[in-house]
Amino acid sequence: MKALVRPRRLAPGARVAVVAPSGPVPEERLQAGLDILRGWDLEPVVGPHVLDRHGSFDYLAGTDADRAADLQSAWCDPTVDALLCARGGYGVQRMTGLLDWDALRAAGPKVFLGFSDITALHEAFATRLGLVTLHGPMAAGIDFIKNARAQEHLRATLFEPESVRTLTSSGQALVPGRARGVLLGGCLSLLAADLGTPHARPSARGGLLCLEDVNEETYRLDRYLTQLLRAGWLDGVTGILLGSWERCDPYDRIRALVLDRLGGLGVPIAEEFGFGHCEGALTVPFGVPAELDAEAGTLTLDVPALA
């Protein structure tokens, strides 16, 4: 797996577009997030449909066409330096086929940030555009608004990425060892749902795979992992990092499941790296080569997340 193209880091005064590719966005949370961005000396530009709600399906932030148009317009605007998702939820998979990927590619590299349902866009940006993307807190997310650790790690990644080249686990090695590879992954359920789609990579071969999820029972997590295994998607993965499993079953069950399903891959597995749906979530760059030392509990990037 090749390292991807790193967008340029942000500088004071950069214009950052906020879009809602998935679920509806509470206005008060959006405003709070915009205030934080302005406090970082950024100029946020809000997509025209960010506060929309779909007429029939209220779990969507407006129509598929409008959500896609907001993303397309912002990415292709030469004055915009970064695209920040407002929140996750559900809806990305309904609109990725409406994007003009040739036009997005021609617009050149920009910073792209999100997580959860945005996993499907991380995969699409990797396979269609060949770009490094940031798996981290979103502009209208509670964690971004209220948690200083999440804010500071994201701010450092955007402006001073060389200062956050090492992430440290608060857990242990489930399978010891060292591994090198290109970072990829995200929300487990979305990775499983992406299999067989035009925007999915054929496998995680050569990659350091980051996995997390939220509000899932153990049998469902089992099903997602088993699907990835049966599809051969995990063949050749070099190592696995686990993030948060918020509102899932007790963590001892999750740990046992991971060892049962993934232990046979024979690669290092380390837990509790602090990314995902947890409080104080860290930002992880996908598409950057890195080294995992499972026993030391460290992930070290070969290069800063952004150029």
Protein backbone atom coordinates (compact mmCIF):
# COMPACT_ATOMS: atom_id res chain seq x y z
CA MET A 1 0.00 0.00 0.00
CA LYS A 2 1.45 3.35 -1.06
CA ALA A 3 1.55 6.49 1.04
CA LEU A 4 -0.93 9.08 -0.19
CA VAL A 5 -0.51 12.76 -1.06
CA ARG A 6 -0.46 15.03 1.99
CA PRO A 7 -2.41 18.29 1.73
CA ARG A 8 -0.74 21.44 3.00
CA ARG A 9 -1.12 22.40 6.64
CA LEU A 10 -3.34 25.33 7.53
CA ALA A 11 -2.10 28.81 8.34
CA PRO A 12 -3.86 31.65 10.16
CA GLY A 13 -6.53 33.17 7.95
CA ALA A 14 -7.21 29.95 6.04
CA ARG A 15 -10.76 29.48 4.74
CA VAL A 16 -12.36 26.24 5.93
CA ALA A 17 -15.67 25.00 4.55
CA VAL A 18 -18.11 23.18 6.86
CA VAL A 19 -20.46 20.68 5.19
CA ALA A 20 -22.96 18.07 6.39
CA PRO A 21 -22.71 14.91 4.24
CA SER A 22 -24.59 12.74 6.75
CA GLY A 23 -27.04 13.53 9.55
CA PRO A 24 -28.82 16.75 10.53
CA VAL A 25 -26.83 19.35 12.43
CA PRO A 26 -28.09 21.16 15.56
CA GLU A 27 -27.67 24.87 14.92
CA GLU A 28 -26.43 25.74 18.41
CA ARG A 29 -23.65 23.14 18.15
CA LEU A 30 -22.68 24.37 14.72
CA GLN A 31 -22.40 27.95 15.99
CA ALA A 32 -20.27 26.83 18.94
CA GLY A 33 -17.95 24.96 16.59
CA LEU A 34 -17.67 27.93 14.25
CA ASP A 35 -16.71 30.12 17.20
CA ILE A 36 -13.84 27.75 18.04
CA LEU A 37 -12.63 27.79 14.45
CA ARG A 38 -12.71 31.60 14.43
CA GLY A 39 -10.76 31.56 17.68
CA TRP A 40 -8.05 29.64 15.81
CA ASP A 41 -7.92 32.53 13.32
CA LEU A 42 -9.64 30.46 10.63
CA GLU A 43 -12.42 31.75 8.38
CA PRO A 44 -15.26 29.20 8.38
CA VAL A 45 -17.59 29.09 5.38
CA VAL A 46 -20.83 27.18 5.95
CA GLY A 47 -22.40 25.18 3.13
CA PRO A 48 -25.88 26.43 2.16
CA HIS A 49 -27.58 23.14 3.09
CA VAL A 50 -25.76 22.35 6.35
CA LEU A 51 -28.82 23.01 8.51
CA ASP A 52 -31.30 21.27 6.17
CA ARG A 53 -33.33 18.24 7.18
CA HIS A 54 -34.68 15.73 4.69
CA GLY A 55 -38.46 15.98 4.23
CA SER A 56 -39.13 12.23 4.52
CA PHE A 57 -36.10 10.85 6.40
CA ASP A 58 -35.19 13.10 9.29
CA TYR A 59 -31.92 11.27 9.91
CA LEU A 60 -30.50 12.97 6.80
CA ALA A 61 -29.20 16.55 6.55
CA GLY A 62 -31.26 17.45 3.49
CA THR A 63 -31.49 15.66 0.16
CA ASP A 64 -28.68 13.52 -1.22
CA ALA A 65 -28.24 15.94 -4.13
CA ASP A 66 -27.95 18.98 -1.87
CA ARG A 67 -25.49 17.32 0.50
CA ALA A 68 -23.36 16.26 -2.45
CA ALA A 69 -23.59 19.72 -4.02
CA ASP A 70 -22.35 21.38 -0.83
CA LEU A 71 -19.33 19.09 -0.67
CA GLN A 72 -18.60 19.42 -4.40
CA SER A 73 -18.88 23.20 -4.40
CA ALA A 74 -16.69 23.66 -1.33
CA TRP A 75 -13.96 21.29 -2.53
CA CYS A 76 -13.83 22.88 -5.98
CA ASP A 77 -13.69 26.44 -4.59
CA PRO A 78 -10.05 27.52 -5.04
CA THR A 79 -10.30 29.89 -2.06
CA VAL A 80 -11.12 27.03 0.36
CA ASP A 81 -8.17 25.33 2.09
CA ALA A 82 -9.97 22.63 4.08
CA LEU A 83 -13.25 20.76 4.21
CA LEU A 84 -14.57 19.96 7.69
CA CYS A 85 -17.58 17.72 8.21
CA ALA A 86 -20.10 19.04 10.71
CA ARG A 87 -21.13 15.63 12.08
CA GLY A 88 -21.60 11.96 11.23
CA GLY A 89 -24.76 9.91 11.62
CA TYR A 90 -25.78 8.32 8.34
CA GLY A 91 -26.01 9.38 4.73
CA VAL A 92 -22.59 9.43 3.06
CA GLN A 93 -23.15 6.20 1.15
CA ARG A 94 -26.29 7.69 -0.41
CA MET A 95 -24.41 10.62 -1.94
CA THR A 96 -20.89 9.49 -2.93
CA GLY A 97 -22.17 8.36 -6.34
CA LEU A 98 -23.45 11.89 -7.00
CA LEU A 99 -20.01 13.49 -6.70
CA ASP A 100 -17.95 14.40 -9.78
CA TRP A 101 -14.71 12.69 -8.79
CA ASP A 102 -12.84 13.99 -11.85
CA ALA A 103 -13.67 17.55 -10.81
CA LEU A 104 -12.70 16.85 -7.21
CA ARG A 105 -9.37 15.42 -8.37
CA ALA A 106 -8.72 18.41 -10.62
CA ALA A 107 -9.32 20.81 -7.73
CA GLY A 108 -6.19 19.49 -6.03
CA PRO A 109 -5.39 18.37 -2.47
CA LYS A 110 -7.06 19.98 0.53
CA VAL A 111 -7.45 19.05 4.18
CA PHE A 112 -10.46 16.78 4.79
CA LEU A 113 -11.69 16.00 8.31
CA GLY A 114 -14.37 13.77 9.82
CA PHE A 115 -15.07 10.36 11.37
CA SER A 116 -17.87 7.86 12.03
CA ASP A 117 -20.14 7.78 8.93
CA ILE A 118 -17.45 9.85 7.20
CA THR A 119 -15.39 6.63 7.06
CA ALA A 120 -16.96 6.00 3.65
CA LEU A 121 -15.58 9.32 2.42
CA HIS A 122 -12.13 8.58 3.87
CA GLU A 123 -12.10 5.42 1.76
CA ALA A 124 -13.36 7.24 -1.34
CA PHE A 125 -10.83 10.06 -0.98
CA ALA A 126 -8.06 7.46 -0.67
CA THR A 127 -9.12 5.33 -3.64
CA ARG A 128 -10.42 8.07 -5.98
CA LEU A 129 -8.20 11.04 -5.08
CA GLY A 130 -5.14 9.44 -3.48
CA LEU A 131 -5.23 11.91 -0.59
CA VAL A 132 -4.32 11.78 3.09
CA THR A 133 -7.41 12.57 5.20
CA LEU A 134 -7.85 13.27 8.90
CA HIS A 135 -9.95 10.99 11.12
CA GLY A 136 -10.88 13.34 13.93
CA PRO A 137 -13.45 15.51 15.74
CA MET A 138 -16.04 17.29 13.62
CA ALA A 139 -17.01 20.94 13.61
CA ALA A 140 -20.40 20.52 15.30
CA GLY A 141 -19.44 17.52 17.43
CA ILE A 142 -19.86 17.64 21.19
CA ASP A 143 -16.29 16.45 21.71
CA PHE A 144 -14.87 19.20 19.50
CA ILE A 145 -16.97 21.84 21.23
CA LYS A 146 -16.38 20.82 24.83
CA ASN A 147 -13.17 18.80 25.12
CA ALA A 148 -9.84 20.60 25.37
CA ARG A 149 -7.74 17.52 24.53
CA ALA A 150 -9.68 16.85 21.32
CA GLN A 151 -9.48 20.51 20.34
CA GLU A 152 -5.77 20.88 21.03
CA HIS A 153 -4.70 17.69 19.26
CA LEU A 154 -6.73 18.64 16.19
CA ARG A 155 -5.41 22.21 16.24
CA ALA A 156 -1.83 20.92 16.45
CA THR A 157 -2.46 18.48 13.59
CA LEU A 158 -3.83 21.25 11.38
CA PHE A 159 -1.21 23.95 12.13
CA GLU A 160 1.87 22.19 13.59
CA PRO A 161 1.62 18.54 12.50
CA GLU A 162 5.27 17.78 13.27
CA SER A 163 4.43 18.29 16.98
CA VAL A 164 1.99 15.33 17.05
CA ARG A 165 3.84 12.58 15.19
CA THR A 166 3.49 10.06 18.04
CA LEU A 167 0.24 8.72 19.50
CA THR A 168 0.38 6.76 22.75
CA SER A 169 -1.99 4.02 23.87
CA SER A 170 -3.52 3.91 27.34
CA GLY A 171 -4.07 0.14 27.03
CA GLN A 172 -1.96 -2.89 26.29
CA ALA A 173 -0.73 -5.09 23.49
CA LEU A 174 -3.33 -7.75 22.68
CA VAL A 175 -0.80 -9.30 20.29
CA PRO A 176 2.79 -8.04 20.78
CA GLY A 177 5.17 -6.98 18.05
CA ARG A 178 6.09 -4.14 15.72
CA ALA A 179 4.56 -3.38 12.36
CA ARG A 180 4.92 -0.82 9.61
CA GLY A 181 2.28 0.23 7.12
CA VAL A 182 0.06 2.98 5.77
CA LEU A 183 -2.72 4.08 8.14
CA LEU A 184 -6.32 3.43 7.13
CA GLY A 185 -9.64 2.44 8.68
CA GLY A 186 -12.29 4.13 10.77
CA CYS A 187 -15.69 2.92 11.88
CA LEU A 188 -15.85 -0.89 11.65
CA SER A 189 -19.51 -1.06 10.61
CA LEU A 190 -18.89 1.40 7.75
CA LEU A 191 -15.85 -0.50 6.51
CA ALA A 192 -17.94 -3.67 6.35
CA ALA A 193 -20.81 -1.83 4.64
CA ASP A 194 -18.40 -0.42 2.05
CA LEU A 195 -17.29 -3.83 0.76
CA GLY A 196 -18.06 -4.29 -2.91
CA THR A 197 -18.82 -0.63 -3.60
CA PRO A 198 -17.07 1.42 -6.30
CA HIS A 199 -15.22 3.51 -3.71
CA ALA A 200 -13.89 0.69 -1.52
CA ARG A 201 -10.26 -0.40 -1.67
CA PRO A 202 -9.88 -4.10 -2.59
CA SER A 203 -8.07 -4.94 0.65
CA ALA A 204 -6.17 -3.55 3.62
CA ARG A 205 -2.95 -5.25 2.43
CA GLY A 206 0.10 -3.30 3.57
CA GLY A 207 -1.91 -1.16 5.94
CA LEU A 208 -2.01 -0.41 9.65
CA LEU A 209 -5.74 -0.73 10.29
CA CYS A 210 -7.49 1.56 12.81
CA LEU A 211 -10.82 0.23 14.10
CA GLU A 212 -13.51 1.70 16.36
CA ASP A 213 -17.30 1.80 16.60
CA VAL A 214 -20.18 3.04 18.71
CA ASN A 215 -23.47 1.67 20.06
CA GLU A 216 -23.00 -1.85 18.70
CA GLU A 217 -23.73 -5.18 20.39
CA THR A 218 -20.93 -7.73 20.37
CA TYR A 219 -22.65 -10.07 17.92
CA ARG A 220 -22.91 -7.24 15.40
CA LEU A 221 -19.23 -6.38 15.77
CA ASP A 222 -18.55 -10.09 15.31
CA ARG A 223 -20.55 -10.03 12.08
CA TYR A 224 -18.62 -7.04 10.70
CA LEU A 225 -15.23 -8.56 11.51
CA THR A 226 -16.29 -11.93 10.11
CA GLN A 227 -17.50 -10.27 6.91
CA LEU A 228 -14.15 -8.52 6.44
CA LEU A 229 -12.34 -11.80 7.07
CA ARG A 230 -14.55 -13.83 4.71
CA ALA A 231 -14.16 -11.23 1.98
CA GLY A 232 -10.37 -11.47 2.24
CA TRP A 233 -10.22 -7.76 2.96
CA LEU A 234 -7.89 -8.26 5.92
CA ASP A 235 -5.40 -10.43 4.03
CA GLY A 236 -1.97 -8.83 4.25
CA VAL A 237 -2.81 -6.21 6.88
CA THR A 238 0.38 -5.46 8.85
CA GLY A 239 -1.04 -4.40 12.22
CA ILE A 240 -4.21 -3.31 13.99
CA LEU A 241 -4.93 -0.39 16.33
CA LEU A 242 -8.12 -0.22 18.36
CA GLY A 243 -9.82 3.01 19.28
CA SER A 244 -12.97 3.49 21.35
CA TRP A 245 -16.03 1.24 21.65
CA GLU A 246 -18.44 3.71 23.22
CA ARG A 247 -21.88 2.41 24.24
CA CYS A 248 -20.92 -1.11 23.14
CA ASP A 249 -20.89 -4.13 25.47
CA PRO A 250 -18.38 -4.28 28.38
CA TYR A 251 -14.89 -3.88 27.00
CA ASP A 252 -13.69 -7.30 28.18
CA ARG A 253 -16.12 -8.81 25.67
CA ILE A 254 -14.85 -6.56 22.88
CA ARG A 255 -11.25 -7.47 23.66
CA ALA A 256 -12.09 -11.18 23.64
CA LEU A 257 -13.93 -10.81 20.34
CA VAL A 258 -11.02 -9.00 18.69
CA LEU A 259 -8.61 -11.72 19.76
CA ASP A 260 -11.02 -14.43 18.61
CA ARG A 261 -11.59 -12.90 15.18
CA LEU A 262 -8.30 -11.12 14.46
CA GLY A 263 -5.70 -12.88 16.61
CA GLY A 264 -5.25 -15.51 13.92
CA LEU A 265 -3.95 -12.93 11.46
CA GLY A 266 -0.61 -13.10 13.25
CA VAL A 267 -0.04 -9.34 13.30
CA PRO A 268 0.48 -6.94 16.23
CA ILE A 269 -2.74 -5.65 17.81
CA ALA A 270 -2.80 -2.77 20.30
CA GLU A 271 -5.78 -1.24 22.08
CA GLU A 272 -7.06 2.06 23.46
CA PHE A 273 -5.36 4.54 21.16
CA GLY A 274 -7.92 7.23 21.96
CA PHE A 275 -9.49 7.81 18.55
CA GLY A 276 -13.16 7.46 17.61
CA HIS A 277 -16.36 8.22 19.50
CA CYS A 278 -14.66 8.63 22.89
CA GLU A 279 -14.24 11.76 24.97
CA GLY A 280 -11.08 13.64 24.04
CA ALA A 281 -10.67 11.82 20.73
CA LEU A 282 -7.33 12.19 18.98
CA THR A 283 -6.87 12.95 15.28
CA VAL A 284 -5.32 10.20 13.13
CA PRO A 285 -4.11 10.82 9.55
CA PHE A 286 -5.14 8.12 7.10
CA GLY A 287 -2.78 7.53 4.19
CA VAL A 288 0.44 8.30 6.11
CA PRO A 289 3.09 5.58 6.65
CA ALA A 290 3.76 4.79 10.31
CA GLU A 291 5.16 2.26 12.75
CA LEU A 292 3.18 0.53 15.48
CA ASP A 293 5.01 -0.78 18.55
CA ALA A 294 2.27 -2.75 20.28
CA GLU A 295 4.20 -3.47 23.47
CA ALA A 296 5.34 0.13 23.91
CA GLY A 297 1.86 1.32 22.97
CA THR A 298 3.10 3.84 20.42
CA LEU A 299 2.18 4.79 16.89
CA THR A 300 4.87 6.90 15.22
CA LEU A 301 4.22 8.66 11.92
CA ASP A 302 7.05 8.60 9.38
CA VAL A 303 6.14 12.14 8.33
CA PRO A 304 3.80 14.81 9.73
CA ALA A 305 0.12 14.39 8.84
CA LEU A 306 0.15 17.46 6.60
CA ALA A 307 2.89 18.90 4.40
